[in-house]
Amino acid sequence: METVKIGKKGQVTIPRRVLEQAGLPAESQVIIESEPDGSIRLRPAVVYPIELYSDERIADFERENRLPGSFRERVGQAVNRRAKNK
């Protein structure tokens, strides 16, 4: 067990040994929660990058995914045949 001091801004430095035992590398992002009993829990946070697309980029995706006319016609025929067989 280690004793640490809470700074004026509410900051706490967690000793490296404690971080290593918890499997948290330096500069990890964590979730902090206060528990009903007054304890504080730190959990590793999982961060997923999110890419926001501009309208122009979305239009590029739609253009790249567009089916050629002949193939679109064949797909339409296959869908119609399947619908008739149901």
N, C-alpha and C. Protein backbone atom coordinates (compact mmCIF):
# COMPACT_ATOMS: atom_id res chain seq x y z
N MET A 1 0.85 -1.17 0.00
CA MET A 1 0.00 0.00 0.00
C MET A 1 0.90 1.23 0.00
N GLU A 2 0.47 2.23 -0.73
CA GLU A 2 1.23 3.47 -0.84
C GLU A 2 0.34 4.63 -0.40
N THR A 3 0.94 5.65 0.13
CA THR A 3 0.22 6.87 0.48
C THR A 3 0.64 7.95 -0.51
N VAL A 4 -0.34 8.63 -1.08
CA VAL A 4 -0.06 9.73 -2.02
C VAL A 4 -0.80 10.96 -1.54
N LYS A 5 -0.37 12.09 -2.04
CA LYS A 5 -0.96 13.37 -1.64
C LYS A 5 -1.82 13.91 -2.79
N ILE A 6 -2.97 14.46 -2.44
CA ILE A 6 -3.82 15.12 -3.43
C ILE A 6 -3.37 16.57 -3.52
N GLY A 7 -3.02 17.01 -4.72
CA GLY A 7 -2.55 18.37 -4.92
C GLY A 7 -3.68 19.38 -4.85
N LYS A 8 -3.31 20.66 -4.91
CA LYS A 8 -4.30 21.75 -4.81
C LYS A 8 -5.35 21.69 -5.92
N LYS A 9 -4.98 21.19 -7.07
CA LYS A 9 -5.92 21.09 -8.20
C LYS A 9 -6.62 19.74 -8.24
N GLY A 10 -6.49 18.93 -7.20
CA GLY A 10 -7.13 17.63 -7.16
C GLY A 10 -6.37 16.55 -7.89
N GLN A 11 -5.13 16.83 -8.25
CA GLN A 11 -4.35 15.85 -8.99
C GLN A 11 -3.65 14.88 -8.04
N VAL A 12 -3.57 13.63 -8.50
CA VAL A 12 -2.89 12.58 -7.75
C VAL A 12 -1.88 11.92 -8.67
N THR A 13 -0.69 11.70 -8.18
CA THR A 13 0.31 10.97 -8.95
C THR A 13 0.30 9.53 -8.44
N ILE A 14 0.03 8.62 -9.34
CA ILE A 14 0.00 7.21 -8.98
C ILE A 14 1.41 6.66 -9.17
N PRO A 15 1.96 6.07 -8.13
CA PRO A 15 3.33 5.55 -8.23
C PRO A 15 3.47 4.53 -9.36
N ARG A 16 4.61 4.59 -10.04
CA ARG A 16 4.89 3.72 -11.18
C ARG A 16 4.70 2.24 -10.82
N ARG A 17 5.14 1.85 -9.64
CA ARG A 17 5.03 0.45 -9.23
C ARG A 17 3.57 0.01 -9.21
N VAL A 18 2.69 0.88 -8.74
CA VAL A 18 1.26 0.57 -8.68
C VAL A 18 0.69 0.46 -10.10
N LEU A 19 1.10 1.37 -10.97
CA LEU A 19 0.65 1.32 -12.36
C LEU A 19 1.10 0.03 -13.05
N GLU A 20 2.35 -0.34 -12.81
CA GLU A 20 2.87 -1.56 -13.41
C GLU A 20 2.12 -2.79 -12.91
N GLN A 21 1.83 -2.84 -11.61
CA GLN A 21 1.10 -3.97 -11.05
C GLN A 21 -0.31 -4.06 -11.64
N ALA A 22 -0.90 -2.91 -11.96
CA ALA A 22 -2.24 -2.87 -12.54
C ALA A 22 -2.21 -3.09 -14.05
N GLY A 23 -1.02 -3.14 -14.65
CA GLY A 23 -0.90 -3.33 -16.09
C GLY A 23 -1.25 -2.09 -16.89
N LEU A 24 -1.05 -0.92 -16.29
CA LEU A 24 -1.36 0.34 -16.98
C LEU A 24 -0.06 1.04 -17.39
N PRO A 25 0.23 1.10 -18.68
CA PRO A 25 1.43 1.83 -19.11
C PRO A 25 1.26 3.34 -18.85
N ALA A 26 2.38 4.03 -18.77
CA ALA A 26 2.35 5.48 -18.57
C ALA A 26 1.51 6.13 -19.66
N GLU A 27 0.81 7.17 -19.31
CA GLU A 27 -0.03 7.97 -20.19
C GLU A 27 -1.24 7.21 -20.71
N SER A 28 -1.64 6.13 -20.03
CA SER A 28 -2.86 5.41 -20.39
C SER A 28 -4.07 6.27 -20.07
N GLN A 29 -5.14 6.06 -20.80
CA GLN A 29 -6.39 6.71 -20.46
C GLN A 29 -7.17 5.76 -19.57
N VAL A 30 -7.75 6.31 -18.52
CA VAL A 30 -8.51 5.50 -17.58
C VAL A 30 -9.87 6.15 -17.32
N ILE A 31 -10.79 5.34 -16.85
CA ILE A 31 -12.10 5.82 -16.41
C ILE A 31 -12.05 5.86 -14.90
N ILE A 32 -12.50 6.96 -14.32
CA ILE A 32 -12.50 7.09 -12.87
C ILE A 32 -13.94 7.18 -12.39
N GLU A 33 -14.26 6.40 -11.37
CA GLU A 33 -15.61 6.37 -10.83
C GLU A 33 -15.55 6.43 -9.32
N SER A 34 -16.49 7.15 -8.73
CA SER A 34 -16.60 7.12 -7.28
C SER A 34 -17.67 6.10 -6.91
N GLU A 35 -17.39 5.31 -5.89
CA GLU A 35 -18.29 4.25 -5.46
C GLU A 35 -19.12 4.73 -4.27
N PRO A 36 -20.29 4.12 -4.06
CA PRO A 36 -21.16 4.53 -2.94
C PRO A 36 -20.47 4.48 -1.58
N ASP A 37 -19.48 3.59 -1.44
CA ASP A 37 -18.79 3.49 -0.15
C ASP A 37 -17.68 4.53 0.02
N GLY A 38 -17.53 5.43 -0.98
CA GLY A 38 -16.52 6.49 -0.90
C GLY A 38 -15.21 6.13 -1.56
N SER A 39 -15.07 4.88 -2.02
CA SER A 39 -13.84 4.50 -2.70
C SER A 39 -13.85 5.03 -4.13
N ILE A 40 -12.68 5.05 -4.72
CA ILE A 40 -12.51 5.52 -6.10
C ILE A 40 -11.97 4.36 -6.91
N ARG A 41 -12.56 4.15 -8.07
CA ARG A 41 -12.14 3.05 -8.94
C ARG A 41 -11.57 3.61 -10.23
N LEU A 42 -10.43 3.09 -10.65
CA LEU A 42 -9.83 3.41 -11.95
C LEU A 42 -9.90 2.16 -12.81
N ARG A 43 -10.36 2.33 -14.04
CA ARG A 43 -10.41 1.22 -14.98
C ARG A 43 -9.78 1.66 -16.29
N PRO A 44 -9.11 0.75 -16.99
CA PRO A 44 -8.56 1.13 -18.30
C PRO A 44 -9.69 1.56 -19.24
N ALA A 45 -9.45 2.60 -19.98
CA ALA A 45 -10.43 3.07 -20.96
C ALA A 45 -10.03 2.54 -22.33
N VAL A 46 -11.01 2.16 -23.11
CA VAL A 46 -10.77 1.73 -24.48
C VAL A 46 -11.19 2.89 -25.37
N VAL A 47 -10.28 3.35 -26.18
CA VAL A 47 -10.55 4.51 -27.03
C VAL A 47 -10.49 4.07 -28.49
N TYR A 48 -11.57 4.31 -29.21
CA TYR A 48 -11.63 3.98 -30.62
C TYR A 48 -11.60 5.28 -31.42
N PRO A 49 -10.71 5.38 -32.40
CA PRO A 49 -10.71 6.59 -33.22
C PRO A 49 -11.97 6.64 -34.08
N ILE A 50 -12.50 7.82 -34.23
CA ILE A 50 -13.69 8.02 -35.04
C ILE A 50 -13.32 8.97 -36.17
N GLU A 51 -13.67 8.59 -37.37
CA GLU A 51 -13.41 9.45 -38.51
C GLU A 51 -14.73 10.06 -38.96
N LEU A 52 -14.77 11.37 -39.04
CA LEU A 52 -15.95 12.07 -39.51
C LEU A 52 -15.74 12.38 -40.99
N TYR A 53 -16.73 12.06 -41.81
CA TYR A 53 -16.62 12.25 -43.25
C TYR A 53 -17.35 13.50 -43.70
N SER A 54 -16.70 14.22 -44.60
CA SER A 54 -17.34 15.38 -45.21
C SER A 54 -18.36 14.89 -46.23
N ASP A 55 -19.24 15.77 -46.65
CA ASP A 55 -20.23 15.42 -47.68
C ASP A 55 -19.52 15.00 -48.97
N GLU A 56 -18.40 15.65 -49.25
CA GLU A 56 -17.65 15.30 -50.47
C GLU A 56 -17.09 13.88 -50.37
N ARG A 57 -16.58 13.51 -49.21
CA ARG A 57 -16.02 12.16 -49.03
C ARG A 57 -17.13 11.11 -49.10
N ILE A 58 -18.29 11.40 -48.54
CA ILE A 58 -19.43 10.48 -48.63
C ILE A 58 -19.84 10.29 -50.08
N ALA A 59 -19.84 11.39 -50.85
CA ALA A 59 -20.17 11.29 -52.27
C ALA A 59 -19.15 10.41 -53.00
N ASP A 60 -17.87 10.51 -52.61
CA ASP A 60 -16.84 9.64 -53.19
C ASP A 60 -17.15 8.17 -52.91
N PHE A 61 -17.51 7.86 -51.66
CA PHE A 61 -17.86 6.47 -51.31
C PHE A 61 -19.02 5.97 -52.17
N GLU A 62 -20.04 6.81 -52.28
CA GLU A 62 -21.22 6.40 -53.05
C GLU A 62 -20.88 6.20 -54.52
N ARG A 63 -20.02 7.04 -55.06
CA ARG A 63 -19.59 6.91 -56.45
C ARG A 63 -18.80 5.61 -56.64
N GLU A 64 -17.91 5.30 -55.69
CA GLU A 64 -17.09 4.09 -55.79
C GLU A 64 -17.94 2.82 -55.63
N ASN A 65 -19.03 2.91 -54.90
CA ASN A 65 -19.87 1.74 -54.65
C ASN A 65 -20.97 1.56 -55.69
N ARG A 66 -21.10 2.49 -56.60
CA ARG A 66 -22.15 2.42 -57.60
C ARG A 66 -21.91 1.24 -58.54
N LEU A 67 -22.97 0.51 -58.82
CA LEU A 67 -22.87 -0.64 -59.72
C LEU A 67 -22.91 -0.17 -61.17
N PRO A 68 -22.12 -0.81 -62.03
CA PRO A 68 -22.23 -0.49 -63.45
C PRO A 68 -23.63 -0.85 -63.94
N GLY A 69 -24.12 -0.16 -64.95
CA GLY A 69 -25.48 -0.34 -65.45
C GLY A 69 -25.83 -1.79 -65.77
N SER A 70 -24.95 -2.50 -66.47
CA SER A 70 -25.25 -3.88 -66.87
C SER A 70 -25.36 -4.78 -65.64
N PHE A 71 -24.52 -4.58 -64.68
CA PHE A 71 -24.56 -5.40 -63.48
C PHE A 71 -25.79 -5.06 -62.64
N ARG A 72 -26.12 -3.79 -62.57
CA ARG A 72 -27.31 -3.35 -61.83
C ARG A 72 -28.56 -4.02 -62.41
N GLU A 73 -28.60 -4.11 -63.74
CA GLU A 73 -29.74 -4.74 -64.40
C GLU A 73 -29.81 -6.23 -64.04
N ARG A 74 -28.68 -6.93 -64.07
CA ARG A 74 -28.65 -8.35 -63.72
C ARG A 74 -29.07 -8.58 -62.28
N VAL A 75 -28.64 -7.72 -61.37
CA VAL A 75 -29.02 -7.84 -59.96
C VAL A 75 -30.53 -7.63 -59.83
N GLY A 76 -31.06 -6.64 -60.54
CA GLY A 76 -32.50 -6.38 -60.50
C GLY A 76 -33.30 -7.58 -60.99
N GLN A 77 -32.83 -8.21 -62.05
CA GLN A 77 -33.52 -9.39 -62.58
C GLN A 77 -33.49 -10.54 -61.57
N ALA A 78 -32.35 -10.73 -60.93
CA ALA A 78 -32.23 -11.81 -59.93
C ALA A 78 -33.15 -11.54 -58.73
N VAL A 79 -33.25 -10.31 -58.33
CA VAL A 79 -34.14 -9.95 -57.20
C VAL A 79 -35.58 -10.21 -57.60
N ASN A 80 -35.95 -9.82 -58.80
CA ASN A 80 -37.33 -10.04 -59.27
C ASN A 80 -37.66 -11.53 -59.34
N ARG A 81 -36.72 -12.34 -59.87
CA ARG A 81 -36.95 -13.79 -59.94
C ARG A 81 -37.14 -14.37 -58.55
N ARG A 82 -36.34 -13.92 -57.62
CA ARG A 82 -36.42 -14.43 -56.26
C ARG A 82 -37.75 -14.05 -55.62
N ALA A 83 -38.20 -12.82 -55.87
CA ALA A 83 -39.47 -12.36 -55.31
C ALA A 83 -40.64 -13.18 -55.87
N LYS A 84 -40.57 -13.53 -57.15
CA LYS A 84 -41.63 -14.32 -57.77
C LYS A 84 -41.67 -15.74 -57.23
N ASN A 85 -40.52 -16.28 -56.87
CA ASN A 85 -40.43 -17.66 -56.37
C ASN A 85 -40.88 -17.80 -54.92
N LYS A 86 -41.10 -16.74 -54.24
CA LYS A 86 -41.49 -16.81 -52.82
C LYS A 86 -42.94 -17.07 -52.65
